[in-house]
C-alpha atoms as a PDB file:
ATOM      1  CA  ASP A   1      65.462-256.375 -22.025  1.00  0.00           C
ATOM      2  CA  LEU A   2      66.743-259.687 -22.832  1.00  0.00           C
ATOM      3  CA  GLU A   3      64.153-261.688 -21.036  1.00  0.00           C
ATOM      4  CA  ASP A   4      61.419-259.813 -23.001  1.00  0.00           C
ATOM      5  CA  MET A   5      63.149-260.651 -26.356  1.00  0.00           C
ATOM      6  CA  LYS A   6      63.672-264.692 -25.435  1.00  0.00           C
ATOM      7  CA  ALA A   7      60.684-265.647 -27.215  1.00  0.00           C
ATOM      8  CA  ASP A   8      61.841-264.046 -30.595  1.00  0.00           C
ATOM      9  CA  LEU A   9      65.273-265.760 -30.231  1.00  0.00           C
ATOM     10  CA  ASP A  10      66.513-269.392 -30.600  1.00  0.00           C
ATOM     11  CA  GLU A  11      68.164-270.921 -27.706  1.00  0.00           C
ATOM     12  CA  ASP A  12      71.754-270.359 -28.972  1.00  0.00           C
ATOM     13  CA  GLU A  13      71.110-266.679 -29.717  1.00  0.00           C
ATOM     14  CA  TYR A  14      69.499-266.229 -26.269  1.00  0.00           C
ATOM     15  CA  GLN A  15      72.328-267.765 -24.479  1.00  0.00           C
ATOM     16  CA  THR A  16      75.122-265.855 -26.531  1.00  0.00           C
ATOM     17  CA  LEU A  17      73.341-262.615 -25.638  1.00  0.00           C
ATOM     18  CA  LYS A  18      72.855-263.587 -22.055  1.00  0.00           C
ATOM     19  CA  ASP A  19      76.561-264.585 -21.581  1.00  0.00           C
ATOM     20  CA  GLU A  20      77.774-261.370 -23.413  1.00  0.00           C
ATOM     21  CA  THR A  21      75.621-259.220 -21.320  1.00  0.00           C
ATOM     22  CA  THR A  22      76.666-261.008 -18.118  1.00  0.00           C
ATOM     23  CA  GLU A  23      80.273-260.620 -18.913  1.00  0.00           C
ATOM     24  CA  GLN A  24      79.775-256.800 -19.598  1.00  0.00           C
ATOM     25  CA  LEU A  25      78.020-256.459 -16.281  1.00  0.00           C
ATOM     26  CA  LYS A  26      80.908-258.137 -14.576  1.00  0.00           C
ATOM     27  CA  GLU A  27      83.567-255.825 -16.181  1.00  0.00           C
ATOM     28  CA  PHE A  28      81.540-252.817 -15.234  1.00  0.00           C
ATOM     29  CA  GLN A  29      81.202-254.086 -11.665  1.00  0.00           C
ATOM     30  CA  ALA A  30      85.064-254.466 -11.535  1.00  0.00           C
ATOM     31  CA  PHE A  31      85.418-251.000 -12.859  1.00  0.00           C
ATOM     32  CA  LEU A  32      83.166-249.657 -10.207  1.00  0.00           C
ATOM     33  CA  GLU A  33      84.925-251.679  -7.520  1.00  0.00           C
ATOM     34  CA  LYS A  34      88.276-250.168  -8.865  1.00  0.00           C
ATOM     35  CA  SER A  35      86.788-246.683  -8.930  1.00  0.00           C
ATOM     36  CA  ASN A  36      85.474-247.014  -5.407  1.00  0.00           C
ATOM     37  CA  ALA A  37      88.762-248.309  -4.110  1.00  0.00           C
ATOM     38  CA  GLY A  38      90.530-245.168  -5.579  1.00  0.00           C
ATOM     39  CA  ASP A  39      91.931-246.454  -8.884  1.00  0.00           C
ATOM     40  CA  MET A  40      90.990-243.533 -10.917  1.00  0.00           C
ATOM     41  CA  THR A  41      93.698-244.070 -13.714  1.00  0.00           C
ATOM     42  CA  LEU A  42      91.159-243.522 -16.519  1.00  0.00           C
ATOM     43  CA  ILE A  43      89.969-240.237 -14.982  1.00  0.00           C
ATOM     44  CA  ASP A  44      93.579-239.229 -14.437  1.00  0.00           C
ATOM     45  CA  ASP A  45      94.485-239.911 -18.028  1.00  0.00           C
ATOM     46  CA  ILE A  46      91.584-237.937 -19.365  1.00  0.00           C
ATOM     47  CA  ASN A  47      92.605-234.921 -17.009  1.00  0.00           C
ATOM     48  CA  ARG A  48      96.194-235.281 -18.260  1.00  0.00           C
ATOM     49  CA  MET A  49      95.019-235.219 -21.855  1.00  0.00           C
ATOM     50  CA  LYS A  50      92.734-232.151 -21.083  1.00  0.00           C
ATOM     51  CA  LEU A  51      95.698-230.342 -19.337  1.00  0.00           C
ATOM     52  CA  ALA A  52      98.013-231.039 -22.348  1.00  0.00           C
ATOM     53  CA  ILE A  53      95.448-229.635 -24.815  1.00  0.00           C
ATOM     54  CA  GLN A  54      95.026-226.504 -22.678  1.00  0.00           C
ATOM     55  CA  SER A  55      98.667-226.272 -22.355  1.00  0.00           C
ATOM     56  CA  ALA A  56      99.207-226.620 -26.148  1.00  0.00           C
ATOM     57  CA  ILE A  57      96.585-223.859 -26.688  1.00  0.00           C
ATOM     58  CA  SER A  58      97.975-221.587 -24.166  1.00  0.00           C
ATOM     59  CA  GLU A  59     101.529-221.958 -25.508  1.00  0.00           C
ATOM     60  CA  ALA A  60     100.247-221.287 -29.206  1.00  0.00           C
ATOM     61  CA  PHE A  61      98.078-218.490 -28.368  1.00  0.00           C
ATOM     62  CA  LYS A  62      98.601-215.975 -25.707  1.00  0.00           C
ATOM     63  CA  THR A  63      95.898-213.376 -26.609  1.00  0.00           C
ATOM     64  CA  PRO A  64      92.645-214.126 -24.772  1.00  0.00           C
ATOM     65  CA  GLU A  65      90.648-212.879 -27.757  1.00  0.00           C
ATOM     66  CA  VAL A  66      92.524-215.171 -30.153  1.00  0.00           C
ATOM     67  CA  ILE A  67      92.162-218.142 -27.818  1.00  0.00           C
ATOM     68  CA  ARG A  68      88.271-217.413 -27.562  1.00  0.00           C
ATOM     69  CA  PHE A  69      87.832-216.918 -31.289  1.00  0.00           C
ATOM     70  CA  PHE A  70      89.989-220.167 -31.916  1.00  0.00           C
ATOM     71  CA  ALA A  71      88.036-222.237 -29.349  1.00  0.00           C
ATOM     72  CA  GLN A  72      84.658-221.099 -30.863  1.00  0.00           C
ATOM     73  CA  ARG A  73      85.891-221.675 -34.345  1.00  0.00           C
ATOM     74  CA  GLN A  74      85.377-217.932 -35.384  1.00  0.00           C
ATOM     75  CA  PRO A  75      87.661-217.278 -38.364  1.00  0.00           C
ATOM     76  CA  ASP A  76      85.954-214.180 -39.388  1.00  0.00           C
ATOM     77  CA  GLN A  77      86.492-212.700 -36.143  1.00  0.00           C
ATOM     78  CA  LEU A  78      90.313-213.860 -36.272  1.00  0.00           C
ATOM     79  CA  ARG A  79      90.549-211.946 -39.612  1.00  0.00           C
ATOM     80  CA  SER A  80      88.926-208.824 -38.010  1.00  0.00           C
ATOM     81  CA  LYS A  81      91.439-209.128 -35.352  1.00  0.00           C
ATOM     82  CA  LEU A  82      94.178-209.406 -37.736  1.00  0.00           C
ATOM     83  CA  GLN A  83      93.082-206.144 -39.513  1.00  0.00           C
ATOM     84  CA  GLU A  84      92.894-204.468 -36.242  1.00  0.00           C
ATOM     85  CA  TYR A  85      96.547-205.315 -35.442  1.00  0.00           C
ATOM     86  CA  HIS A  86      97.562-204.018 -38.985  1.00  0.00           C
ATOM     87  CA  ARG A  87      95.719-200.783 -38.525  1.00  0.00           C
ATOM     88  CA  ASP A  88      97.286-200.199 -34.928  1.00  0.00           C
ATOM     89  CA  PHE A  89     100.697-201.032 -36.145  1.00  0.00           C
ATOM     90  CA  LYS A  90     100.189-198.556 -39.109  1.00  0.00           C
ATOM     91  CA  LEU A  91      99.114-195.894 -36.641  1.00  0.00           C
ATOM     92  CA  ASN A  92     102.088-196.628 -34.326  1.00  0.00           C
ATOM     93  CA  LYS A  93     100.029-197.813 -31.644  1.00  0.00           C
ATOM     94  CA  MET A  94     101.953-201.341 -31.539  1.00  0.00           C
ATOM     95  CA  THR A  95     105.694-201.986 -32.010  1.00  0.00           C
ATOM     96  CA  LYS A  96     106.746-204.029 -34.828  1.00  0.00           C
ATOM     97  CA  GLU A  97     107.779-207.020 -32.626  1.00  0.00           C
ATOM     98  CA  ALA A  98     104.307-206.952 -30.882  1.00  0.00           C
ATOM     99  CA  PHE A  99     102.740-206.658 -34.234  1.00  0.00           C
ATOM    100  CA  GLU A 100     104.768-209.710 -35.627  1.00  0.00           C
ATOM    101  CA  VAL A 101     103.752-211.995 -32.327  1.00  0.00           C
ATOM    102  CA  LYS A 102     100.143-211.202 -32.677  1.00  0.00           C
ATOM    103  CA  GLN A 103      99.959-211.595 -36.341  1.00  0.00           C
ATOM    104  CA  ARG A 104     101.829-215.055 -36.119  1.00  0.00           C
ATOM    105  CA  GLU A 105      99.230-216.018 -33.409  1.00  0.00           C
ATOM    106  CA  VAL A 106      96.217-215.013 -35.439  1.00  0.00           C
ATOM    107  CA  LEU A 107      97.752-216.708 -38.615  1.00  0.00           C
ATOM    108  CA  LEU A 108      98.618-220.095 -36.849  1.00  0.00           C
ATOM    109  CA  ALA A 109      94.972-219.959 -35.317  1.00  0.00           C
ATOM    110  CA  LEU A 110      93.367-219.407 -38.924  1.00  0.00           C
ATOM    111  CA  GLN A 111      95.722-222.323 -40.289  1.00  0.00           C
ATOM    112  CA  LYS A 112      94.761-224.653 -37.308  1.00  0.00           C
ATOM    113  CA  LEU A 113      91.240-223.841 -38.259  1.00  0.00           C
ATOM    114  CA  GLY A 114      91.808-225.072 -41.842  1.00  0.00           C
ATOM    115  CA  GLU A 115      91.253-221.467 -43.317  1.00  0.00           C
ATOM    116  CA  LYS A 116      92.532-220.644 -46.758  1.00  0.00           C
ATOM    117  CA  LEU A 117      95.525-218.405 -46.288  1.00  0.00           C
ATOM    118  CA  SER A 118      97.185-216.052 -48.831  1.00  0.00           C
ATOM    119  CA  ALA A 119     100.505-216.942 -50.476  1.00  0.00           C
ATOM    120  CA  GLU A 120     101.909-214.174 -48.320  1.00  0.00           C
ATOM    121  CA  GLU A 121     100.297-215.354 -45.051  1.00  0.00           C
ATOM    122  CA  GLU A 122     101.750-218.870 -45.747  1.00  0.00           C
ATOM    123  CA  GLU A 123     105.150-217.498 -46.085  1.00  0.00           C
ATOM    124  CA  MET A 124     104.928-215.827 -42.932  1.00  0.00           C
ATOM    125  CA  ILE A 125     103.996-218.917 -41.096  1.00  0.00           C
ATOM    126  CA  LYS A 126     106.928-220.679 -42.853  1.00  0.00           C
ATOM    127  CA  ALA A 127     109.362-217.841 -41.730  1.00  0.00           C
ATOM    128  CA  TYR A 128     108.055-218.188 -38.293  1.00  0.00           C
ATOM    129  CA  GLN A 129     108.383-221.859 -38.125  1.00  0.00           C
ATOM    130  CA  ALA A 130     111.949-221.529 -39.432  1.00  0.00           C
ATOM    131  CA  THR A 131     112.750-219.092 -36.769  1.00  0.00           C
ATOM    132  CA  SER A 132     111.105-221.234 -34.112  1.00  0.00           C
ATOM    133  CA  SER A 133     113.056-224.268 -35.030  1.00  0.00           C
ATOM    134  CA  LYS A 134     116.504-222.553 -35.178  1.00  0.00           C
ATOM    135  CA  GLN A 135     115.659-221.641 -31.431  1.00  0.00           C
ATOM    136  CA  PHE A 136     115.549-225.141 -30.393  1.00  0.00           C
ATOM    137  CA  GLU A 137     118.716-226.113 -32.311  1.00  0.00           C
END
């Protein structure tokens, strides 16, 4: 509390701190009045950012498990999922197209988590990105 510290401060320091505190309280009061009046632009901006992030994650990652592993920052589980996809593809439990989509999804998640990728995995991502950019041309 500023009043408790008054004895430890010289008059100029005390007055400066008091003025700053008063100004901050006035700004906070104005914010509260705006909020009560229905001006929720700050909250709307935060919600808009959250929706944009959710949308970006949903667009990049379609498989619920990949989304969960990415959100929980679990690269080992992502690697296990990738191995599972390889196995399923080799056992003809998955089409080539489905395998490629899921493989890209996991590799992109690993890349976004900053995991070290093999040269082959890096090439797959580059090929995917080249294909994706051609679709928008």
